[in-house]
Amino acid sequence: MQHDRPEIDPLWTAAELSHYLGVPVQTLYQWKWLGQGPPVHKIGRHLRYDPAEVRAWVASLRSEAA
């Protein structure tokens, strides 16, 4: 039996986001502390990033630079 559920992107870890953006993990922690950077969600004691929110954040940077 096949379930008709929409495909959901898994949340990214700080390491995965670091690789995607090409910045050190420590930069992500600093951005969180400063209230900057992409939206971050705390799941228990872990930080997770929604890929769709990250892509929207990157797109907003592009529009600010234009």
C-alpha atoms as a PDB file:
ATOM      1  CA  MET A   1       0.000   0.000   0.000  1.00  0.00           C
ATOM      2  CA  GLN A   2       1.366   3.424  -0.965  1.00  0.00           C
ATOM      3  CA  HIS A   3       0.837   6.433   1.273  1.00  0.00           C
ATOM      4  CA  ASP A   4      -0.063   9.736  -0.347  1.00  0.00           C
ATOM      5  CA  ARG A   5       2.140  11.925   1.809  1.00  0.00           C
ATOM      6  CA  PRO A   6       3.998  14.903   0.431  1.00  0.00           C
ATOM      7  CA  GLU A   7       7.757  14.562   0.245  1.00  0.00           C
ATOM      8  CA  ILE A   8       9.318  16.333   3.221  1.00  0.00           C
ATOM      9  CA  ASP A   9      12.919  17.510   3.225  1.00  0.00           C
ATOM     10  CA  PRO A  10      14.706  16.373   6.351  1.00  0.00           C
ATOM     11  CA  LEU A  11      16.021  19.176   8.541  1.00  0.00           C
ATOM     12  CA  TRP A  12      19.723  19.936   8.154  1.00  0.00           C
ATOM     13  CA  THR A  13      22.282  19.710  10.916  1.00  0.00           C
ATOM     14  CA  ALA A  14      24.779  22.511  11.470  1.00  0.00           C
ATOM     15  CA  ALA A  15      27.410  20.380   9.698  1.00  0.00           C
ATOM     16  CA  GLU A  16      25.153  19.885   6.666  1.00  0.00           C
ATOM     17  CA  LEU A  17      24.325  23.593   6.495  1.00  0.00           C
ATOM     18  CA  SER A  18      27.993  24.455   6.911  1.00  0.00           C
ATOM     19  CA  HIS A  19      28.767  22.322   3.867  1.00  0.00           C
ATOM     20  CA  TYR A  20      25.868  23.806   1.863  1.00  0.00           C
ATOM     21  CA  LEU A  21      26.858  27.414   2.593  1.00  0.00           C
ATOM     22  CA  GLY A  22      30.609  26.833   2.608  1.00  0.00           C
ATOM     23  CA  VAL A  23      31.084  28.444   6.013  1.00  0.00           C
ATOM     24  CA  PRO A  24      32.525  26.953   9.223  1.00  0.00           C
ATOM     25  CA  VAL A  25      30.099  25.446  11.748  1.00  0.00           C
ATOM     26  CA  GLN A  26      31.426  27.943  14.298  1.00  0.00           C
ATOM     27  CA  THR A  27      30.152  30.768  12.069  1.00  0.00           C
ATOM     28  CA  LEU A  28      26.654  29.276  12.235  1.00  0.00           C
ATOM     29  CA  TYR A  29      26.825  29.214  16.057  1.00  0.00           C
ATOM     30  CA  GLN A  30      28.059  32.808  16.084  1.00  0.00           C
ATOM     31  CA  TRP A  31      25.244  33.923  13.776  1.00  0.00           C
ATOM     32  CA  LYS A  32      22.698  32.239  16.068  1.00  0.00           C
ATOM     33  CA  TRP A  33      24.192  33.950  19.120  1.00  0.00           C
ATOM     34  CA  LEU A  34      24.107  37.326  17.319  1.00  0.00           C
ATOM     35  CA  GLY A  35      20.566  36.770  16.001  1.00  0.00           C
ATOM     36  CA  GLN A  36      21.794  36.693  12.406  1.00  0.00           C
ATOM     37  CA  GLY A  37      21.932  34.063   9.692  1.00  0.00           C
ATOM     38  CA  PRO A  38      19.263  31.673   8.505  1.00  0.00           C
ATOM     39  CA  PRO A  39      16.350  30.685  10.765  1.00  0.00           C
ATOM     40  CA  VAL A  40      17.359  27.954  13.197  1.00  0.00           C
ATOM     41  CA  HIS A  41      15.187  25.594  15.222  1.00  0.00           C
ATOM     42  CA  LYS A  42      16.162  23.964  18.477  1.00  0.00           C
ATOM     43  CA  ILE A  43      14.987  20.353  18.587  1.00  0.00           C
ATOM     44  CA  GLY A  44      15.789  19.164  22.084  1.00  0.00           C
ATOM     45  CA  ARG A  45      19.401  20.257  22.454  1.00  0.00           C
ATOM     46  CA  HIS A  46      20.127  20.059  18.733  1.00  0.00           C
ATOM     47  CA  LEU A  47      20.074  22.887  16.206  1.00  0.00           C
ATOM     48  CA  ARG A  48      18.307  22.128  12.936  1.00  0.00           C
ATOM     49  CA  TYR A  49      17.719  24.137   9.776  1.00  0.00           C
ATOM     50  CA  ASP A  50      14.790  23.837   7.362  1.00  0.00           C
ATOM     51  CA  PRO A  51      16.232  23.683   3.815  1.00  0.00           C
ATOM     52  CA  ALA A  52      13.332  25.746   2.408  1.00  0.00           C
ATOM     53  CA  GLU A  53      13.917  28.495   4.998  1.00  0.00           C
ATOM     54  CA  VAL A  54      17.653  28.456   4.302  1.00  0.00           C
ATOM     55  CA  ARG A  55      17.069  28.813   0.565  1.00  0.00           C
ATOM     56  CA  ALA A  56      14.648  31.709   1.171  1.00  0.00           C
ATOM     57  CA  TRP A  57      17.233  33.379   3.433  1.00  0.00           C
ATOM     58  CA  VAL A  58      19.934  33.017   0.746  1.00  0.00           C
ATOM     59  CA  ALA A  59      17.515  34.445  -1.852  1.00  0.00           C
ATOM     60  CA  SER A  60      16.840  37.435   0.417  1.00  0.00           C
ATOM     61  CA  LEU A  61      20.583  38.115   0.573  1.00  0.00           C
ATOM     62  CA  ARG A  62      20.734  38.146  -3.204  1.00  0.00           C
ATOM     63  CA  SER A  63      17.876  40.653  -3.443  1.00  0.00           C
ATOM     64  CA  GLU A  64      19.506  42.913  -0.813  1.00  0.00           C
ATOM     65  CA  ALA A  65      22.751  42.933  -2.801  1.00  0.00           C
ATOM     66  CA  ALA A  66      21.004  43.889  -6.062  1.00  0.00           C
END
